[in-house]
PDB file of all heavy atoms in Angstrom:
ATOM      1  N   ASN A   1     -27.323  17.159 -23.515  1.00  0.00           N
ATOM      2  CA  ASN A   1     -28.288  16.076 -23.592  1.00  0.00           C
ATOM      3  C   ASN A   1     -27.624  14.710 -23.611  1.00  0.00           C
ATOM      4  O   ASN A   1     -28.107  13.748 -23.012  1.00  0.00           O
ATOM      5  CB  ASN A   1     -29.215  16.233 -24.789  1.00  0.00           C
ATOM      6  CG  ASN A   1     -30.505  16.937 -24.427  1.00  0.00           C
ATOM      7  OD1 ASN A   1     -31.077  16.653 -23.392  1.00  0.00           O
ATOM      8  ND2 ASN A   1     -30.940  17.847 -25.247  1.00  0.00           N
ATOM      9  N   GLU A   2     -26.498  14.601 -24.321  1.00  0.00           N
ATOM     10  CA  GLU A   2     -25.775  13.337 -24.348  1.00  0.00           C
ATOM     11  C   GLU A   2     -25.274  12.985 -22.945  1.00  0.00           C
ATOM     12  O   GLU A   2     -25.350  11.844 -22.511  1.00  0.00           O
ATOM     13  CB  GLU A   2     -24.610  13.392 -25.330  1.00  0.00           C
ATOM     14  CG  GLU A   2     -25.051  13.412 -26.782  1.00  0.00           C
ATOM     15  CD  GLU A   2     -23.919  13.729 -27.729  1.00  0.00           C
ATOM     16  OE1 GLU A   2     -22.730  13.696 -27.327  1.00  0.00           O
ATOM     17  OE2 GLU A   2     -24.216  14.012 -28.915  1.00  0.00           O
ATOM     18  N   ASN A   3     -24.755  13.990 -22.230  1.00  0.00           N
ATOM     19  CA  ASN A   3     -24.286  13.788 -20.865  1.00  0.00           C
ATOM     20  C   ASN A   3     -25.438  13.336 -19.978  1.00  0.00           C
ATOM     21  O   ASN A   3     -25.306  12.384 -19.188  1.00  0.00           O
ATOM     22  CB  ASN A   3     -23.706  15.087 -20.279  1.00  0.00           C
ATOM     23  CG  ASN A   3     -22.400  15.480 -20.919  1.00  0.00           C
ATOM     24  OD1 ASN A   3     -21.769  14.709 -21.624  1.00  0.00           O
ATOM     25  ND2 ASN A   3     -21.977  16.703 -20.669  1.00  0.00           N
ATOM     26  N   LEU A   4     -26.569  14.011 -20.081  1.00  0.00           N
ATOM     27  CA  LEU A   4     -27.736  13.703 -19.271  1.00  0.00           C
ATOM     28  C   LEU A   4     -28.267  12.317 -19.551  1.00  0.00           C
ATOM     29  O   LEU A   4     -28.553  11.529 -18.640  1.00  0.00           O
ATOM     30  CB  LEU A   4     -28.823  14.758 -19.512  1.00  0.00           C
ATOM     31  CG  LEU A   4     -30.064  14.733 -18.645  1.00  0.00           C
ATOM     32  CD1 LEU A   4     -29.704  14.789 -17.159  1.00  0.00           C
ATOM     33  CD2 LEU A   4     -30.972  15.891 -19.004  1.00  0.00           C
ATOM     34  N   GLN A   5     -28.355  11.955 -20.822  1.00  0.00           N
ATOM     35  CA  GLN A   5     -28.831  10.621 -21.187  1.00  0.00           C
ATOM     36  C   GLN A   5     -27.892   9.537 -20.665  1.00  0.00           C
ATOM     37  O   GLN A   5     -28.349   8.530 -20.104  1.00  0.00           O
ATOM     38  CB  GLN A   5     -28.969  10.501 -22.705  1.00  0.00           C
ATOM     39  CG  GLN A   5     -29.524   9.153 -23.137  1.00  0.00           C
ATOM     40  CD  GLN A   5     -29.804   9.091 -24.632  1.00  0.00           C
ATOM     41  OE1 GLN A   5     -29.593  10.043 -25.377  1.00  0.00           O
ATOM     42  NE2 GLN A   5     -30.270   7.941 -25.077  1.00  0.00           N
ATOM     43  N   ALA A   6     -26.570   9.728 -20.809  1.00  0.00           N
ATOM     44  CA  ALA A   6     -25.613   8.744 -20.304  1.00  0.00           C
ATOM     45  C   ALA A   6     -25.718   8.586 -18.788  1.00  0.00           C
ATOM     46  O   ALA A   6     -25.651   7.469 -18.261  1.00  0.00           O
ATOM     47  CB  ALA A   6     -24.191   9.156 -20.689  1.00  0.00           C
ATOM     48  N   TRP A   7     -25.927   9.696 -18.091  1.00  0.00           N
ATOM     49  CA  TRP A   7     -26.029   9.660 -16.636  1.00  0.00           C
ATOM     50  C   TRP A   7     -27.285   8.900 -16.190  1.00  0.00           C
ATOM     51  O   TRP A   7     -27.235   8.063 -15.285  1.00  0.00           O
ATOM     52  CB  TRP A   7     -26.033  11.087 -16.064  1.00  0.00           C
ATOM     53  CG  TRP A   7     -25.843  11.124 -14.599  1.00  0.00           C
ATOM     54  CD1 TRP A   7     -24.647  11.111 -13.923  1.00  0.00           C
ATOM     55  CD2 TRP A   7     -26.855  11.200 -13.581  1.00  0.00           C
ATOM     56  NE1 TRP A   7     -24.866  11.172 -12.574  1.00  0.00           N
ATOM     57  CE2 TRP A   7     -26.218  11.233 -12.339  1.00  0.00           C
ATOM     58  CE3 TRP A   7     -28.235  11.237 -13.624  1.00  0.00           C
ATOM     59  CZ2 TRP A   7     -26.913  11.296 -11.134  1.00  0.00           C
ATOM     60  CZ3 TRP A   7     -28.934  11.310 -12.430  1.00  0.00           C
ATOM     61  CH2 TRP A   7     -28.271  11.332 -11.208  1.00  0.00           C
ATOM     62  N   ILE A   8     -28.400   9.164 -16.848  1.00  0.00           N
ATOM     63  CA  ILE A   8     -29.655   8.488 -16.486  1.00  0.00           C
ATOM     64  C   ILE A   8     -29.546   6.992 -16.789  1.00  0.00           C
ATOM     65  O   ILE A   8     -29.881   6.152 -15.943  1.00  0.00           O
ATOM     66  CB  ILE A   8     -30.855   9.112 -17.219  1.00  0.00           C
ATOM     67  CG1 ILE A   8     -31.106  10.538 -16.705  1.00  0.00           C
ATOM     68  CG2 ILE A   8     -32.114   8.246 -17.041  1.00  0.00           C
ATOM     69  CD1 ILE A   8     -32.124  11.329 -17.540  1.00  0.00           C
ATOM     70  N   GLU A   9     -29.075   6.657 -17.976  1.00  0.00           N
ATOM     71  CA  GLU A   9     -28.978   5.248 -18.367  1.00  0.00           C
ATOM     72  C   GLU A   9     -28.014   4.460 -17.484  1.00  0.00           C
ATOM     73  O   GLU A   9     -28.220   3.277 -17.238  1.00  0.00           O
ATOM     74  CB  GLU A   9     -28.574   5.120 -19.838  1.00  0.00           C
ATOM     75  CG  GLU A   9     -29.667   5.551 -20.778  1.00  0.00           C
ATOM     76  CD  GLU A   9     -29.240   5.569 -22.239  1.00  0.00           C
ATOM     77  OE1 GLU A   9     -28.031   5.589 -22.522  1.00  0.00           O
ATOM     78  OE2 GLU A   9     -30.158   5.587 -23.104  1.00  0.00           O
ATOM     79  N   SER A  10     -26.954   5.112 -16.992  1.00  0.00           N
ATOM     80  CA  SER A  10     -25.976   4.421 -16.152  1.00  0.00           C
ATOM     81  C   SER A  10     -26.304   4.510 -14.658  1.00  0.00           C
ATOM     82  O   SER A  10     -25.559   4.021 -13.835  1.00  0.00           O
ATOM     83  CB  SER A  10     -24.589   5.005 -16.387  1.00  0.00           C
ATOM     84  OG  SER A  10     -24.489   6.297 -15.844  1.00  0.00           O
ATOM     85  N   ARG A  11     -27.431   5.161 -14.325  1.00  0.00           N
ATOM     86  CA  ARG A  11     -27.845   5.364 -12.937  1.00  0.00           C
ATOM     87  C   ARG A  11     -26.729   6.058 -12.135  1.00  0.00           C
ATOM     88  O   ARG A  11     -26.434   5.708 -11.006  1.00  0.00           O
ATOM     89  CB  ARG A  11     -28.210   4.043 -12.250  1.00  0.00           C
ATOM     90  CG  ARG A  11     -29.232   3.149 -12.956  1.00  0.00           C
ATOM     91  CD  ARG A  11     -30.516   3.890 -13.280  1.00  0.00           C
ATOM     92  NE  ARG A  11     -31.567   3.013 -13.721  1.00  0.00           N
ATOM     93  CZ  ARG A  11     -31.975   2.902 -14.989  1.00  0.00           C
ATOM     94  NH1 ARG A  11     -31.385   3.563 -15.930  1.00  0.00           N
ATOM     95  NH2 ARG A  11     -32.975   2.097 -15.304  1.00  0.00           N
ATOM     96  N   GLY A  12     -26.107   7.051 -12.774  1.00  0.00           N
ATOM     97  CA  GLY A  12     -25.107   7.862 -12.098  1.00  0.00           C
ATOM     98  C   GLY A  12     -23.682   7.364 -12.205  1.00  0.00           C
ATOM     99  O   GLY A  12     -22.777   7.990 -11.671  1.00  0.00           O
ATOM    100  N   ALA A  13     -23.467   6.265 -12.918  1.00  0.00           N
ATOM    101  CA  ALA A  13     -22.096   5.708 -13.033  1.00  0.00           C
ATOM    102  C   ALA A  13     -21.261   6.465 -14.063  1.00  0.00           C
ATOM    103  O   ALA A  13     -20.049   6.456 -14.004  1.00  0.00           O
ATOM    104  CB  ALA A  13     -22.160   4.233 -13.407  1.00  0.00           C
ATOM    105  N   VAL A  14     -21.901   7.109 -15.038  1.00  0.00           N
ATOM    106  CA  VAL A  14     -21.191   7.925 -16.035  1.00  0.00           C
ATOM    107  C   VAL A  14     -21.611   9.353 -15.855  1.00  0.00           C
ATOM    108  O   VAL A  14     -22.766   9.695 -16.010  1.00  0.00           O
ATOM    109  CB  VAL A  14     -21.528   7.446 -17.479  1.00  0.00           C
ATOM    110  CG1 VAL A  14     -20.878   8.355 -18.495  1.00  0.00           C
ATOM    111  CG2 VAL A  14     -21.098   6.006 -17.685  1.00  0.00           C
ATOM    112  N   ALA A  15     -20.646  10.196 -15.472  1.00  0.00           N
ATOM    113  CA  ALA A  15     -20.942  11.619 -15.232  1.00  0.00           C
ATOM    114  C   ALA A  15     -19.814  12.446 -15.806  1.00  0.00           C
ATOM    115  O   ALA A  15     -18.762  12.601 -15.185  1.00  0.00           O
ATOM    116  CB  ALA A  15     -21.093  11.885 -13.734  1.00  0.00           C
ATOM    117  N   TYR A  16     -20.008  12.937 -17.019  1.00  0.00           N
ATOM    118  CA  TYR A  16     -18.962  13.757 -17.649  1.00  0.00           C
ATOM    119  C   TYR A  16     -19.008  15.169 -17.121  1.00  0.00           C
ATOM    120  O   TYR A  16     -20.059  15.731 -16.874  1.00  0.00           O
ATOM    121  CB  TYR A  16     -19.137  13.757 -19.164  1.00  0.00           C
ATOM    122  CG  TYR A  16     -18.792  12.429 -19.786  1.00  0.00           C
ATOM    123  CD1 TYR A  16     -19.776  11.632 -20.345  1.00  0.00           C
ATOM    124  CD2 TYR A  16     -17.492  11.975 -19.804  1.00  0.00           C
ATOM    125  CE1 TYR A  16     -19.482  10.403 -20.885  1.00  0.00           C
ATOM    126  CE2 TYR A  16     -17.171  10.744 -20.351  1.00  0.00           C
ATOM    127  CZ  TYR A  16     -18.168   9.969 -20.895  1.00  0.00           C
ATOM    128  OH  TYR A  16     -17.860   8.756 -21.437  1.00  0.00           O
ATOM    129  N   ASP A  17     -17.826  15.742 -16.947  1.00  0.00           N
ATOM    130  CA  ASP A  17     -17.683  17.110 -16.466  1.00  0.00           C
ATOM    131  C   ASP A  17     -17.749  18.038 -17.674  1.00  0.00           C
ATOM    132  O   ASP A  17     -16.832  18.103 -18.483  1.00  0.00           O
ATOM    133  CB  ASP A  17     -16.341  17.270 -15.745  1.00  0.00           C
ATOM    134  CG  ASP A  17     -16.186  18.635 -15.115  1.00  0.00           C
ATOM    135  OD1 ASP A  17     -16.682  19.621 -15.691  1.00  0.00           O
ATOM    136  OD2 ASP A  17     -15.543  18.711 -14.054  1.00  0.00           O
ATOM    137  N   TYR A  18     -18.862  18.756 -17.792  1.00  0.00           N
ATOM    138  CA  TYR A  18     -19.117  19.636 -18.955  1.00  0.00           C
ATOM    139  C   TYR A  18     -18.016  20.683 -19.114  1.00  0.00           C
ATOM    140  O   TYR A  18     -17.572  20.961 -20.215  1.00  0.00           O
ATOM    141  CB  TYR A  18     -20.478  20.287 -18.795  1.00  0.00           C
ATOM    142  CG  TYR A  18     -20.846  21.218 -19.931  1.00  0.00           C
ATOM    143  CD1 TYR A  18     -21.296  20.683 -21.147  1.00  0.00           C
ATOM    144  CD2 TYR A  18     -20.773  22.591 -19.797  1.00  0.00           C
ATOM    145  CE1 TYR A  18     -21.645  21.521 -22.193  1.00  0.00           C
ATOM    146  CE2 TYR A  18     -21.107  23.430 -20.838  1.00  0.00           C
ATOM    147  CZ  TYR A  18     -21.548  22.885 -22.034  1.00  0.00           C
ATOM    148  OH  TYR A  18     -21.900  23.716 -23.081  1.00  0.00           O
ATOM    149  N   ASP A  19     -17.594  21.273 -18.008  1.00  0.00           N
ATOM    150  CA  ASP A  19     -16.558  22.306 -18.084  1.00  0.00           C
ATOM    151  C   ASP A  19     -15.253  21.749 -18.624  1.00  0.00           C
ATOM    152  O   ASP A  19     -14.562  22.396 -19.410  1.00  0.00           O
ATOM    153  CB  ASP A  19     -16.330  22.949 -16.705  1.00  0.00           C
ATOM    154  CG  ASP A  19     -17.596  23.620 -16.198  1.00  0.00           C
ATOM    155  OD1 ASP A  19     -18.334  24.208 -17.033  1.00  0.00           O
ATOM    156  OD2 ASP A  19     -17.854  23.568 -14.986  1.00  0.00           O
ATOM    157  N   GLN A  20     -14.925  20.495 -18.253  1.00  0.00           N
ATOM    158  CA  GLN A  20     -13.711  19.838 -18.796  1.00  0.00           C
ATOM    159  C   GLN A  20     -13.916  19.488 -20.274  1.00  0.00           C
ATOM    160  O   GLN A  20     -12.979  19.586 -21.077  1.00  0.00           O
ATOM    161  CB  GLN A  20     -13.389  18.573 -18.004  1.00  0.00           C
ATOM    162  CG  GLN A  20     -12.990  18.837 -16.577  1.00  0.00           C
ATOM    163  CD  GLN A  20     -11.650  19.543 -16.467  1.00  0.00           C
ATOM    164  OE1 GLN A  20     -10.795  19.411 -17.328  1.00  0.00           O
ATOM    165  NE2 GLN A  20     -11.483  20.333 -15.419  1.00  0.00           N
ATOM    166  N   GLN A  21     -15.128  19.100 -20.644  1.00  0.00           N
ATOM    167  CA  GLN A  21     -15.402  18.772 -22.051  1.00  0.00           C
ATOM    168  C   GLN A  21     -15.187  19.992 -22.949  1.00  0.00           C
ATOM    169  O   GLN A  21     -14.729  19.853 -24.074  1.00  0.00           O
ATOM    170  CB  GLN A  21     -16.838  18.285 -22.220  1.00  0.00           C
ATOM    171  CG  GLN A  21     -17.069  16.893 -21.676  1.00  0.00           C
ATOM    172  CD  GLN A  21     -18.522  16.500 -21.750  1.00  0.00           C
ATOM    173  OE1 GLN A  21     -19.405  17.288 -21.424  1.00  0.00           O
ATOM    174  NE2 GLN A  21     -18.763  15.269 -22.133  1.00  0.00           N
ATOM    175  N   GLN A  22     -15.514  21.172 -22.444  1.00  0.00           N
ATOM    176  CA  GLN A  22     -15.332  22.393 -23.229  1.00  0.00           C
ATOM    177  C   GLN A  22     -13.850  22.628 -23.493  1.00  0.00           C
ATOM    178  O   GLN A  22     -13.492  23.296 -24.456  1.00  0.00           O
ATOM    179  CB  GLN A  22     -15.917  23.600 -22.483  1.00  0.00           C
ATOM    180  CG  GLN A  22     -17.417  23.522 -22.264  1.00  0.00           C
ATOM    181  CD  GLN A  22     -18.174  23.407 -23.568  1.00  0.00           C
ATOM    182  OE1 GLN A  22     -18.354  22.319 -24.114  1.00  0.00           O
ATOM    183  NE2 GLN A  22     -18.615  24.498 -24.096  1.00  0.00           N
ATOM    184  N   ARG A  23     -12.977  22.056 -22.676  1.00  0.00           N
ATOM    185  CA  ARG A  23     -11.525  22.156 -22.877  1.00  0.00           C
ATOM    186  C   ARG A  23     -10.992  20.943 -23.653  1.00  0.00           C
ATOM    187  O   ARG A  23      -9.793  20.780 -23.767  1.00  0.00           O
ATOM    188  CB  ARG A  23     -10.818  22.254 -21.528  1.00  0.00           C
ATOM    189  CG  ARG A  23     -11.145  23.517 -20.785  1.00  0.00           C
ATOM    190  CD  ARG A  23     -10.344  23.609 -19.482  1.00  0.00           C
ATOM    191  NE  ARG A  23     -10.999  24.539 -18.602  1.00  0.00           N
ATOM    192  CZ  ARG A  23     -11.719  24.208 -17.536  1.00  0.00           C
ATOM    193  NH1 ARG A  23     -11.869  22.950 -17.217  1.00  0.00           N
ATOM    194  NH2 ARG A  23     -12.291  25.123 -16.807  1.00  0.00           N
ATOM    195  N   GLY A  24     -11.871  20.081 -24.100  1.00  0.00           N
ATOM    196  CA  GLY A  24     -11.458  18.911 -24.863  1.00  0.00           C
ATOM    197  C   GLY A  24     -11.124  17.697 -24.041  1.00  0.00           C
ATOM    198  O   GLY A  24     -10.621  16.713 -24.551  1.00  0.00           O
ATOM    199  N   LEU A  25     -11.435  17.727 -22.755  1.00  0.00           N
ATOM    200  CA  LEU A  25     -11.130  16.595 -21.864  1.00  0.00           C
ATOM    201  C   LEU A  25     -12.430  15.890 -21.490  1.00  0.00           C
ATOM    202  O   LEU A  25     -13.346  16.517 -20.966  1.00  0.00           O
ATOM    203  CB  LEU A  25     -10.428  17.095 -20.593  1.00  0.00           C
ATOM    204  CG  LEU A  25      -9.145  17.877 -20.802  1.00  0.00           C
ATOM    205  CD1 LEU A  25      -8.689  18.483 -19.493  1.00  0.00           C
ATOM    206  CD2 LEU A  25      -8.075  17.001 -21.383  1.00  0.00           C
ATOM    207  N   TRP A  26     -12.510  14.607 -21.759  1.00  0.00           N
ATOM    208  CA  TRP A  26     -13.687  13.830 -21.414  1.00  0.00           C
ATOM    209  C   TRP A  26     -13.410  13.077 -20.130  1.00  0.00           C
ATOM    210  O   TRP A  26     -12.891  11.964 -20.147  1.00  0.00           O
ATOM    211  CB  TRP A  26     -14.057  12.898 -22.553  1.00  0.00           C
ATOM    212  CG  TRP A  26     -14.654  13.644 -23.671  1.00  0.00           C
ATOM    213  CD1 TRP A  26     -14.009  14.483 -24.528  1.00  0.00           C
ATOM    214  CD2 TRP A  26     -16.015  13.681 -24.063  1.00  0.00           C
ATOM    215  NE1 TRP A  26     -14.884  15.028 -25.412  1.00  0.00           N
ATOM    216  CE2 TRP A  26     -16.119  14.559 -25.155  1.00  0.00           C
ATOM    217  CE3 TRP A  26     -17.158  13.063 -23.580  1.00  0.00           C
ATOM    218  CZ2 TRP A  26     -17.346  14.815 -25.783  1.00  0.00           C
ATOM    219  CZ3 TRP A  26     -18.370  13.315 -24.213  1.00  0.00           C
ATOM    220  CH2 TRP A  26     -18.447  14.186 -25.298  1.00  0.00           C
ATOM    221  N   VAL A  27     -13.712  13.697 -18.995  1.00  0.00           N
ATOM    222  CA  VAL A  27     -13.426  13.126 -17.696  1.00  0.00           C
ATOM    223  C   VAL A  27     -14.723  12.576 -17.104  1.00  0.00           C
ATOM    224  O   VAL A  27     -15.659  13.323 -16.871  1.00  0.00           O
ATOM    225  CB  VAL A  27     -12.831  14.197 -16.747  1.00  0.00           C
ATOM    226  CG1 VAL A  27     -12.578  13.618 -15.384  1.00  0.00           C
ATOM    227  CG2 VAL A  27     -11.573  14.791 -17.345  1.00  0.00           C
ATOM    228  N   ASN A  28     -14.758  11.262 -16.912  1.00  0.00           N
ATOM    229  CA  ASN A  28     -15.914  10.645 -16.266  1.00  0.00           C
ATOM    230  C   ASN A  28     -15.717  10.795 -14.766  1.00  0.00           C
ATOM    231  O   ASN A  28     -15.041   9.985 -14.121  1.00  0.00           O
ATOM    232  CB  ASN A  28     -16.025   9.174 -16.648  1.00  0.00           C
ATOM    233  CG  ASN A  28     -17.223   8.501 -16.029  1.00  0.00           C
ATOM    234  OD1 ASN A  28     -17.907   9.068 -15.188  1.00  0.00           O
ATOM    235  ND2 ASN A  28     -17.497   7.292 -16.430  1.00  0.00           N
ATOM    236  N   THR A  29     -16.290  11.831 -14.193  1.00  0.00           N
ATOM    237  CA  THR A  29     -16.069  12.134 -12.779  1.00  0.00           C
ATOM    238  C   THR A  29     -16.612  11.044 -11.866  1.00  0.00           C
ATOM    239  O   THR A  29     -16.091  10.828 -10.784  1.00  0.00           O
ATOM    240  CB  THR A  29     -16.693  13.503 -12.402  1.00  0.00           C
ATOM    241  OG1 THR A  29     -18.076  13.492 -12.728  1.00  0.00           O
ATOM    242  CG2 THR A  29     -15.984  14.624 -13.121  1.00  0.00           C
ATOM    243  N   ALA A  30     -17.650  10.334 -12.297  1.00  0.00           N
ATOM    244  CA  ALA A  30     -18.204   9.253 -11.463  1.00  0.00           C
ATOM    245  C   ALA A  30     -17.191   8.113 -11.369  1.00  0.00           C
ATOM    246  O   ALA A  30     -17.002   7.544 -10.289  1.00  0.00           O
ATOM    247  CB  ALA A  30     -19.514   8.741 -12.068  1.00  0.00           C
ATOM    248  N   ALA A  31     -16.524   7.781 -12.465  1.00  0.00           N
ATOM    249  CA  ALA A  31     -15.509   6.722 -12.442  1.00  0.00           C
ATOM    250  C   ALA A  31     -14.306   7.145 -11.623  1.00  0.00           C
ATOM    251  O   ALA A  31     -13.724   6.347 -10.888  1.00  0.00           O
ATOM    252  CB  ALA A  31     -15.093   6.350 -13.867  1.00  0.00           C
ATOM    253  N   VAL A  32     -13.925   8.412 -11.739  1.00  0.00           N
ATOM    254  CA  VAL A  32     -12.805   8.928 -10.959  1.00  0.00           C
ATOM    255  C   VAL A  32     -13.123   8.855  -9.463  1.00  0.00           C
ATOM    256  O   VAL A  32     -12.312   8.402  -8.654  1.00  0.00           O
ATOM    257  CB  VAL A  32     -12.428  10.375 -11.377  1.00  0.00           C
ATOM    258  CG1 VAL A  32     -11.426  10.988 -10.433  1.00  0.00           C
ATOM    259  CG2 VAL A  32     -11.925  10.396 -12.815  1.00  0.00           C
ATOM    260  N   LYS A  33     -14.344   9.272  -9.098  1.00  0.00           N
ATOM    261  CA  LYS A  33     -14.747   9.226  -7.690  1.00  0.00           C
ATOM    262  C   LYS A  33     -14.755   7.782  -7.194  1.00  0.00           C
ATOM    263  O   LYS A  33     -14.300   7.486  -6.085  1.00  0.00           O
ATOM    264  CB  LYS A  33     -16.127   9.857  -7.505  1.00  0.00           C
ATOM    265  CG  LYS A  33     -16.586   9.877  -6.040  1.00  0.00           C
ATOM    266  CD  LYS A  33     -17.991  10.399  -5.916  1.00  0.00           C
ATOM    267  CE  LYS A  33     -18.474  10.446  -4.496  1.00  0.00           C
ATOM    268  NZ  LYS A  33     -18.275   9.248  -3.716  1.00  0.00           N
ATOM    269  N   ALA A  34     -15.263   6.862  -8.009  1.00  0.00           N
ATOM    270  CA  ALA A  34     -15.299   5.446  -7.609  1.00  0.00           C
ATOM    271  C   ALA A  34     -13.893   4.897  -7.404  1.00  0.00           C
ATOM    272  O   ALA A  34     -13.628   4.144  -6.458  1.00  0.00           O
ATOM    273  CB  ALA A  34     -16.044   4.613  -8.657  1.00  0.00           C
ATOM    274  N   ALA A  35     -12.959   5.305  -8.280  1.00  0.00           N
ATOM    275  CA  ALA A  35     -11.577   4.855  -8.145  1.00  0.00           C
ATOM    276  C   ALA A  35     -10.943   5.418  -6.882  1.00  0.00           C
ATOM    277  O   ALA A  35     -10.213   4.724  -6.183  1.00  0.00           O
ATOM    278  CB  ALA A  35     -10.774   5.243  -9.381  1.00  0.00           C
ATOM    279  N   ILE A  36     -11.224   6.682  -6.594  1.00  0.00           N
ATOM    280  CA  ILE A  36     -10.702   7.311  -5.384  1.00  0.00           C
ATOM    281  C   ILE A  36     -11.274   6.625  -4.156  1.00  0.00           C
ATOM    282  O   ILE A  36     -10.566   6.310  -3.184  1.00  0.00           O
ATOM    283  CB  ILE A  36     -10.980   8.813  -5.364  1.00  0.00           C
ATOM    284  CG1 ILE A  36     -10.131   9.497  -6.429  1.00  0.00           C
ATOM    285  CG2 ILE A  36     -10.711   9.422  -3.989  1.00  0.00           C
ATOM    286  CD1 ILE A  36     -10.500  10.948  -6.681  1.00  0.00           C
ATOM    287  N   ASP A  37     -12.591   6.359  -4.160  1.00  0.00           N
ATOM    288  CA  ASP A  37     -13.234   5.693  -3.036  1.00  0.00           C
ATOM    289  C   ASP A  37     -12.694   4.289  -2.812  1.00  0.00           C
ATOM    290  O   ASP A  37     -12.610   3.808  -1.685  1.00  0.00           O
ATOM    291  CB  ASP A  37     -14.745   5.648  -3.220  1.00  0.00           C
ATOM    292  CG  ASP A  37     -15.409   7.014  -3.106  1.00  0.00           C
ATOM    293  OD1 ASP A  37     -14.739   7.956  -2.621  1.00  0.00           O
ATOM    294  OD2 ASP A  37     -16.582   7.138  -3.527  1.00  0.00           O
ATOM    295  N   ALA A  38     -12.324   3.624  -3.906  1.00  0.00           N
ATOM    296  CA  ALA A  38     -11.806   2.249  -3.814  1.00  0.00           C
ATOM    297  C   ALA A  38     -10.409   2.213  -3.180  1.00  0.00           C
ATOM    298  O   ALA A  38      -9.981   1.214  -2.641  1.00  0.00           O
ATOM    299  CB  ALA A  38     -11.764   1.599  -5.199  1.00  0.00           C
ATOM    300  N   GLY A  39      -9.690   3.337  -3.261  1.00  0.00           N
ATOM    301  CA  GLY A  39      -8.367   3.387  -2.679  1.00  0.00           C
ATOM    302  C   GLY A  39      -7.304   2.919  -3.652  1.00  0.00           C
ATOM    303  O   GLY A  39      -7.591   2.532  -4.779  1.00  0.00           O
ATOM    304  N   PRO A  40      -6.057   2.952  -3.211  1.00  0.00           N
ATOM    305  CA  PRO A  40      -4.969   2.561  -4.111  1.00  0.00           C
ATOM    306  C   PRO A  40      -5.042   1.064  -4.416  1.00  0.00           C
ATOM    307  O   PRO A  40      -5.544   0.282  -3.610  1.00  0.00           O
ATOM    308  CB  PRO A  40      -3.710   2.908  -3.309  1.00  0.00           C
ATOM    309  CG  PRO A  40      -4.140   2.926  -1.886  1.00  0.00           C
ATOM    310  CD  PRO A  40      -5.581   3.331  -1.883  1.00  0.00           C
ATOM    311  N   PRO A  41      -4.544   0.688  -5.608  1.00  0.00           N
ATOM    312  CA  PRO A  41      -4.551  -0.726  -5.945  1.00  0.00           C
ATOM    313  C   PRO A  41      -3.659  -1.527  -5.010  1.00  0.00           C
ATOM    314  O   PRO A  41      -2.634  -1.046  -4.557  1.00  0.00           O
ATOM    315  CB  PRO A  41      -4.037  -0.779  -7.368  1.00  0.00           C
ATOM    316  CG  PRO A  41      -3.308   0.513  -7.565  1.00  0.00           C
ATOM    317  CD  PRO A  41      -3.930   1.502  -6.631  1.00  0.00           C
ATOM    318  N   VAL A  42      -4.098  -2.723  -4.700  1.00  0.00           N
ATOM    319  CA  VAL A  42      -3.332  -3.580  -3.819  1.00  0.00           C
ATOM    320  C   VAL A  42      -2.380  -4.396  -4.677  1.00  0.00           C
ATOM    321  O   VAL A  42      -2.779  -5.063  -5.629  1.00  0.00           O
ATOM    322  CB  VAL A  42      -4.274  -4.529  -3.039  1.00  0.00           C
ATOM    323  CG1 VAL A  42      -3.490  -5.472  -2.156  1.00  0.00           C
ATOM    324  CG2 VAL A  42      -5.259  -3.721  -2.219  1.00  0.00           C
TER     325      VAL A  42
END
């Protein structure tokens, strides 16, 4: 529910990977995807 609420409130910008959370890793997959789409830093 916390994941779902964060995703709705952020309009998809915050998307935690539940399977990674079960391993203790809080990975915001939406931010990772945005960083990958942006390309390497100039």
